[in-house]
Amino acid sequence: QVQLVESGGDLVQPGGSLRLSCAASGRVFSDYAMGWYRQAPGKQRDMVATITSVGSTNYADSVKGRFTISRDNAKSTVYLQMNSLKPEDTAVYYCNVRRNQWYDYWGQGTQVTVSS
């Protein structure tokens, strides 16, 4: 069974930066896509960024130019570097590992709060 543990969430001022990490345990193959999603209270869970096994990335329009996703297959870890944070970035951020298009693993989430 795959387990995902997120870390790095914090309270930060607008314009600040955070780096989220997600460490995967269990049998995670390097050809699995990985990503970050977020959910604010009363809102649906939305895609923030994804990265494929070969390094192709995709970002939500709202974070393009500010966030960068990366992965270290040797460590089974995915990262999200978040710069120029805005209050609207406030949410619980969830790590995702996509085994295939029909099956996903999820972490428990890490809280990111952007406020002055």
N, C-alpha and C. Protein backbone atom coordinates (compact mmCIF):
# COMPACT_ATOMS: atom_id res chain seq x y z
N GLN A 1 0.84 -1.19 0.00
CA GLN A 1 0.00 0.00 0.00
C GLN A 1 0.88 1.24 0.00
N VAL A 2 0.54 2.19 -0.84
CA VAL A 2 1.28 3.44 -0.95
C VAL A 2 0.76 4.43 0.08
N GLN A 3 1.68 5.07 0.79
CA GLN A 3 1.33 6.13 1.72
C GLN A 3 2.07 7.40 1.35
N LEU A 4 1.37 8.53 1.42
CA LEU A 4 1.94 9.82 1.08
C LEU A 4 1.86 10.74 2.28
N VAL A 5 2.97 11.41 2.59
CA VAL A 5 3.02 12.32 3.73
C VAL A 5 3.52 13.67 3.25
N GLU A 6 2.66 14.68 3.37
CA GLU A 6 3.01 16.04 2.97
C GLU A 6 3.64 16.79 4.14
N SER A 7 4.49 17.74 3.82
CA SER A 7 5.07 18.61 4.83
C SER A 7 5.41 19.95 4.20
N GLY A 8 5.62 20.95 5.03
CA GLY A 8 6.03 22.26 4.56
C GLY A 8 4.97 23.34 4.64
N GLY A 9 3.74 22.96 4.91
CA GLY A 9 2.69 23.96 5.03
C GLY A 9 2.92 24.86 6.23
N ASP A 10 2.50 26.12 6.10
CA ASP A 10 2.77 27.09 7.16
C ASP A 10 1.91 28.32 6.94
N LEU A 11 2.00 29.24 7.89
CA LEU A 11 1.41 30.56 7.77
C LEU A 11 2.47 31.48 7.19
N VAL A 12 2.14 32.16 6.11
CA VAL A 12 3.11 33.02 5.43
C VAL A 12 2.41 34.30 4.97
N GLN A 13 3.16 35.39 4.91
CA GLN A 13 2.61 36.66 4.46
C GLN A 13 2.48 36.70 2.95
N PRO A 14 1.55 37.50 2.43
CA PRO A 14 1.46 37.66 0.98
C PRO A 14 2.81 38.05 0.39
N GLY A 15 3.14 37.44 -0.75
CA GLY A 15 4.42 37.68 -1.38
C GLY A 15 5.51 36.75 -0.93
N GLY A 16 5.25 35.97 0.10
CA GLY A 16 6.23 35.05 0.62
C GLY A 16 6.30 33.76 -0.17
N SER A 17 7.15 32.86 0.30
CA SER A 17 7.39 31.59 -0.38
C SER A 17 7.32 30.43 0.58
N LEU A 18 6.95 29.28 0.05
CA LEU A 18 6.94 28.03 0.78
C LEU A 18 7.35 26.91 -0.16
N ARG A 19 7.91 25.87 0.40
CA ARG A 19 8.25 24.69 -0.37
C ARG A 19 7.59 23.48 0.28
N LEU A 20 6.68 22.86 -0.43
CA LEU A 20 6.00 21.68 0.05
C LEU A 20 6.73 20.43 -0.43
N SER A 21 6.74 19.42 0.42
CA SER A 21 7.33 18.14 0.07
C SER A 21 6.31 17.04 0.31
N CYS A 22 6.39 16.02 -0.49
CA CYS A 22 5.54 14.84 -0.33
C CYS A 22 6.41 13.61 -0.50
N ALA A 23 6.55 12.87 0.58
CA ALA A 23 7.34 11.65 0.56
C ALA A 23 6.42 10.44 0.46
N ALA A 24 6.69 9.60 -0.50
CA ALA A 24 5.89 8.41 -0.72
C ALA A 24 6.61 7.18 -0.20
N SER A 25 5.86 6.33 0.48
CA SER A 25 6.39 5.06 0.93
C SER A 25 5.59 3.94 0.28
N GLY A 26 6.15 2.76 0.32
CA GLY A 26 5.53 1.66 -0.38
C GLY A 26 6.09 1.55 -1.79
N ARG A 27 5.45 0.74 -2.58
CA ARG A 27 5.95 0.49 -3.92
C ARG A 27 5.40 1.53 -4.89
N VAL A 28 6.21 2.54 -5.14
CA VAL A 28 5.87 3.60 -6.08
C VAL A 28 6.81 3.50 -7.27
N PHE A 29 6.26 3.30 -8.42
CA PHE A 29 7.06 3.18 -9.62
C PHE A 29 7.35 4.54 -10.22
N SER A 30 8.50 4.65 -10.84
CA SER A 30 8.94 5.92 -11.39
C SER A 30 8.09 6.39 -12.56
N ASP A 31 7.29 5.52 -13.12
CA ASP A 31 6.44 5.92 -14.23
C ASP A 31 5.07 6.43 -13.78
N TYR A 32 4.84 6.53 -12.47
CA TYR A 32 3.60 7.12 -11.97
C TYR A 32 3.68 8.64 -12.06
N ALA A 33 2.60 9.25 -12.51
CA ALA A 33 2.51 10.70 -12.47
C ALA A 33 2.26 11.14 -11.03
N MET A 34 2.72 12.33 -10.70
CA MET A 34 2.53 12.88 -9.36
C MET A 34 2.02 14.31 -9.48
N GLY A 35 1.41 14.79 -8.41
CA GLY A 35 0.89 16.14 -8.49
C GLY A 35 0.47 16.71 -7.15
N TRP A 36 0.06 17.97 -7.21
CA TRP A 36 -0.45 18.68 -6.05
C TRP A 36 -1.83 19.23 -6.37
N TYR A 37 -2.73 19.07 -5.42
CA TYR A 37 -4.08 19.60 -5.50
C TYR A 37 -4.35 20.40 -4.24
N ARG A 38 -5.33 21.28 -4.29
CA ARG A 38 -5.66 22.06 -3.11
C ARG A 38 -7.16 22.22 -2.97
N GLN A 39 -7.57 22.41 -1.72
CA GLN A 39 -8.98 22.56 -1.42
C GLN A 39 -9.17 23.59 -0.32
N ALA A 40 -9.91 24.63 -0.63
CA ALA A 40 -10.27 25.64 0.35
C ALA A 40 -11.63 25.29 0.94
N PRO A 41 -11.95 25.80 2.14
CA PRO A 41 -13.24 25.50 2.75
C PRO A 41 -14.41 25.84 1.83
N GLY A 42 -15.32 24.89 1.67
CA GLY A 42 -16.49 25.10 0.83
C GLY A 42 -16.23 25.00 -0.65
N LYS A 43 -15.01 24.66 -1.04
CA LYS A 43 -14.66 24.56 -2.45
C LYS A 43 -14.29 23.13 -2.81
N GLN A 44 -14.29 22.84 -4.09
CA GLN A 44 -13.87 21.53 -4.56
C GLN A 44 -12.36 21.44 -4.58
N ARG A 45 -11.86 20.23 -4.67
CA ARG A 45 -10.43 20.02 -4.77
C ARG A 45 -9.98 20.23 -6.21
N ASP A 46 -9.05 21.15 -6.40
CA ASP A 46 -8.61 21.51 -7.74
C ASP A 46 -7.14 21.18 -7.96
N MET A 47 -6.82 20.87 -9.20
CA MET A 47 -5.44 20.61 -9.57
C MET A 47 -4.62 21.88 -9.50
N VAL A 48 -3.44 21.78 -8.92
CA VAL A 48 -2.50 22.88 -8.88
C VAL A 48 -1.38 22.66 -9.88
N ALA A 49 -0.76 21.49 -9.82
CA ALA A 49 0.35 21.17 -10.70
C ALA A 49 0.52 19.67 -10.77
N THR A 50 0.93 19.18 -11.92
CA THR A 50 1.22 17.76 -12.09
C THR A 50 2.53 17.61 -12.83
N ILE A 51 3.14 16.45 -12.65
CA ILE A 51 4.38 16.14 -13.35
C ILE A 51 4.38 14.67 -13.71
N THR A 52 4.70 14.38 -14.95
CA THR A 52 4.70 13.01 -15.43
C THR A 52 6.02 12.34 -15.12
N SER A 53 6.10 11.06 -15.46
CA SER A 53 7.31 10.29 -15.21
C SER A 53 8.51 10.81 -15.99
N VAL A 54 8.25 11.48 -17.10
CA VAL A 54 9.35 12.00 -17.92
C VAL A 54 9.56 13.49 -17.71
N GLY A 55 8.88 14.07 -16.74
CA GLY A 55 9.13 15.45 -16.37
C GLY A 55 8.24 16.49 -17.02
N SER A 56 7.25 16.08 -17.78
CA SER A 56 6.32 17.05 -18.35
C SER A 56 5.43 17.60 -17.24
N THR A 57 5.25 18.91 -17.23
CA THR A 57 4.50 19.56 -16.17
C THR A 57 3.25 20.25 -16.70
N ASN A 58 2.30 20.41 -15.81
CA ASN A 58 1.07 21.11 -16.11
C ASN A 58 0.68 21.91 -14.87
N TYR A 59 0.24 23.15 -15.08
CA TYR A 59 -0.11 24.03 -13.97
C TYR A 59 -1.47 24.65 -14.17
N ALA A 60 -2.15 24.87 -13.07
CA ALA A 60 -3.36 25.66 -13.12
C ALA A 60 -3.00 27.08 -13.54
N ASP A 61 -3.89 27.71 -14.29
CA ASP A 61 -3.61 29.06 -14.77
C ASP A 61 -3.31 30.03 -13.63
N SER A 62 -3.95 29.82 -12.50
CA SER A 62 -3.80 30.73 -11.37
C SER A 62 -2.42 30.69 -10.72
N VAL A 63 -1.63 29.66 -11.00
CA VAL A 63 -0.32 29.53 -10.36
C VAL A 63 0.83 29.56 -11.33
N LYS A 64 0.56 29.62 -12.62
CA LYS A 64 1.63 29.65 -13.62
C LYS A 64 2.56 30.83 -13.39
N GLY A 65 3.84 30.56 -13.44
CA GLY A 65 4.84 31.59 -13.22
C GLY A 65 5.19 31.81 -11.77
N ARG A 66 4.41 31.24 -10.86
CA ARG A 66 4.67 31.40 -9.44
C ARG A 66 5.06 30.09 -8.76
N PHE A 67 4.47 28.98 -9.20
CA PHE A 67 4.73 27.68 -8.59
C PHE A 67 5.56 26.81 -9.53
N THR A 68 6.37 25.95 -8.95
CA THR A 68 7.16 25.00 -9.71
C THR A 68 7.08 23.62 -9.06
N ILE A 69 6.70 22.63 -9.84
CA ILE A 69 6.64 21.26 -9.35
C ILE A 69 7.88 20.51 -9.84
N SER A 70 8.39 19.63 -8.99
CA SER A 70 9.53 18.81 -9.36
C SER A 70 9.43 17.48 -8.63
N ARG A 71 10.22 16.52 -9.06
CA ARG A 71 10.20 15.21 -8.43
C ARG A 71 11.59 14.61 -8.37
N ASP A 72 11.79 13.77 -7.39
CA ASP A 72 13.02 13.02 -7.22
C ASP A 72 12.61 11.56 -7.15
N ASN A 73 12.74 10.87 -8.25
CA ASN A 73 12.29 9.48 -8.31
C ASN A 73 13.07 8.57 -7.36
N ALA A 74 14.34 8.85 -7.17
CA ALA A 74 15.15 8.03 -6.28
C ALA A 74 14.64 8.10 -4.84
N LYS A 75 14.05 9.23 -4.47
CA LYS A 75 13.52 9.42 -3.12
C LYS A 75 12.00 9.28 -3.07
N SER A 76 11.39 8.99 -4.20
CA SER A 76 9.93 8.90 -4.29
C SER A 76 9.28 10.12 -3.66
N THR A 77 9.77 11.28 -4.04
CA THR A 77 9.32 12.54 -3.45
C THR A 77 8.96 13.54 -4.54
N VAL A 78 7.89 14.28 -4.29
CA VAL A 78 7.49 15.36 -5.18
C VAL A 78 7.47 16.65 -4.38
N TYR A 79 7.86 17.75 -5.02
CA TYR A 79 7.96 19.04 -4.36
C TYR A 79 7.09 20.07 -5.07
N LEU A 80 6.73 21.08 -4.33
CA LEU A 80 6.04 22.22 -4.90
C LEU A 80 6.65 23.48 -4.32
N GLN A 81 7.39 24.20 -5.14
CA GLN A 81 7.95 25.48 -4.74
C GLN A 81 6.93 26.56 -5.05
N MET A 82 6.51 27.29 -4.04
CA MET A 82 5.48 28.30 -4.19
C MET A 82 6.06 29.67 -3.87
N ASN A 83 6.05 30.55 -4.85
CA ASN A 83 6.55 31.90 -4.70
C ASN A 83 5.43 32.91 -4.92
N SER A 84 5.67 34.12 -4.48
CA SER A 84 4.70 35.20 -4.65
C SER A 84 3.31 34.79 -4.21
N LEU A 85 3.23 34.22 -3.03
CA LEU A 85 1.97 33.69 -2.54
C LEU A 85 0.94 34.78 -2.32
N LYS A 86 -0.31 34.42 -2.60
CA LYS A 86 -1.44 35.32 -2.48
C LYS A 86 -2.44 34.75 -1.47
N PRO A 87 -3.27 35.60 -0.87
CA PRO A 87 -4.28 35.09 0.05
C PRO A 87 -5.17 34.01 -0.56
N GLU A 88 -5.46 34.12 -1.85
CA GLU A 88 -6.29 33.13 -2.50
C GLU A 88 -5.61 31.77 -2.68
N ASP A 89 -4.32 31.68 -2.36
CA ASP A 89 -3.63 30.40 -2.35
C ASP A 89 -3.90 29.62 -1.07
N THR A 90 -4.54 30.24 -0.10
CA THR A 90 -4.84 29.58 1.16
C THR A 90 -5.72 28.36 0.94
N ALA A 91 -5.26 27.22 1.40
CA ALA A 91 -5.98 25.97 1.20
C ALA A 91 -5.21 24.84 1.87
N VAL A 92 -5.85 23.69 1.93
CA VAL A 92 -5.14 22.47 2.28
C VAL A 92 -4.59 21.89 0.99
N TYR A 93 -3.30 21.63 0.97
CA TYR A 93 -2.64 21.10 -0.22
C TYR A 93 -2.43 19.60 -0.06
N TYR A 94 -2.87 18.86 -1.07
CA TYR A 94 -2.80 17.41 -1.06
C TYR A 94 -1.85 16.90 -2.12
N CYS A 95 -1.05 15.95 -1.74
CA CYS A 95 -0.18 15.25 -2.67
C CYS A 95 -0.95 14.13 -3.34
N ASN A 96 -0.66 13.93 -4.62
CA ASN A 96 -1.34 12.90 -5.40
C ASN A 96 -0.34 12.08 -6.18
N VAL A 97 -0.55 10.79 -6.18
CA VAL A 97 0.19 9.88 -7.05
C VAL A 97 -0.82 9.14 -7.90
N ARG A 98 -0.68 9.26 -9.19
CA ARG A 98 -1.62 8.64 -10.12
C ARG A 98 -1.03 7.33 -10.64
N ARG A 99 -1.54 6.24 -10.11
CA ARG A 99 -1.10 4.94 -10.58
C ARG A 99 -1.51 4.74 -12.03
N ASN A 100 -2.72 5.09 -12.33
CA ASN A 100 -3.24 5.11 -13.69
C ASN A 100 -4.43 6.06 -13.69
N GLN A 101 -5.08 6.21 -14.84
CA GLN A 101 -6.16 7.17 -14.92
C GLN A 101 -7.39 6.79 -14.09
N TRP A 102 -7.40 5.59 -13.54
CA TRP A 102 -8.55 5.14 -12.75
C TRP A 102 -8.24 4.99 -11.26
N TYR A 103 -6.99 5.17 -10.85
CA TYR A 103 -6.64 4.93 -9.46
C TYR A 103 -5.61 5.94 -8.98
N ASP A 104 -5.95 6.63 -7.89
CA ASP A 104 -5.08 7.64 -7.30
C ASP A 104 -4.82 7.37 -5.83
N TYR A 105 -3.63 7.72 -5.39
CA TYR A 105 -3.30 7.74 -3.98
C TYR A 105 -3.26 9.19 -3.51
N TRP A 106 -3.69 9.43 -2.26
CA TRP A 106 -3.74 10.78 -1.72
C TRP A 106 -3.08 10.85 -0.35
N GLY A 107 -2.41 11.98 -0.09
CA GLY A 107 -1.92 12.25 1.24
C GLY A 107 -3.00 12.86 2.10
N GLN A 108 -2.69 13.14 3.36
CA GLN A 108 -3.66 13.71 4.28
C GLN A 108 -3.76 15.22 4.20
N GLY A 109 -2.83 15.85 3.53
CA GLY A 109 -2.89 17.28 3.32
C GLY A 109 -2.03 18.07 4.29
N THR A 110 -1.61 19.25 3.84
CA THR A 110 -0.87 20.18 4.67
C THR A 110 -1.45 21.57 4.47
N GLN A 111 -1.65 22.29 5.56
CA GLN A 111 -2.32 23.59 5.52
C GLN A 111 -1.36 24.69 5.10
N VAL A 112 -1.77 25.46 4.11
CA VAL A 112 -1.05 26.66 3.68
C VAL A 112 -1.98 27.85 3.90
N THR A 113 -1.53 28.79 4.70
CA THR A 113 -2.32 29.98 4.98
C THR A 113 -1.51 31.21 4.61
N VAL A 114 -2.05 32.03 3.73
CA VAL A 114 -1.39 33.24 3.28
C VAL A 114 -2.19 34.43 3.81
N SER A 115 -1.62 35.14 4.75
CA SER A 115 -2.33 36.22 5.40
C SER A 115 -1.35 37.20 6.01
N SER A 116 -1.73 38.47 6.01
CA SER A 116 -0.92 39.49 6.65
C SER A 116 -1.32 39.69 8.11
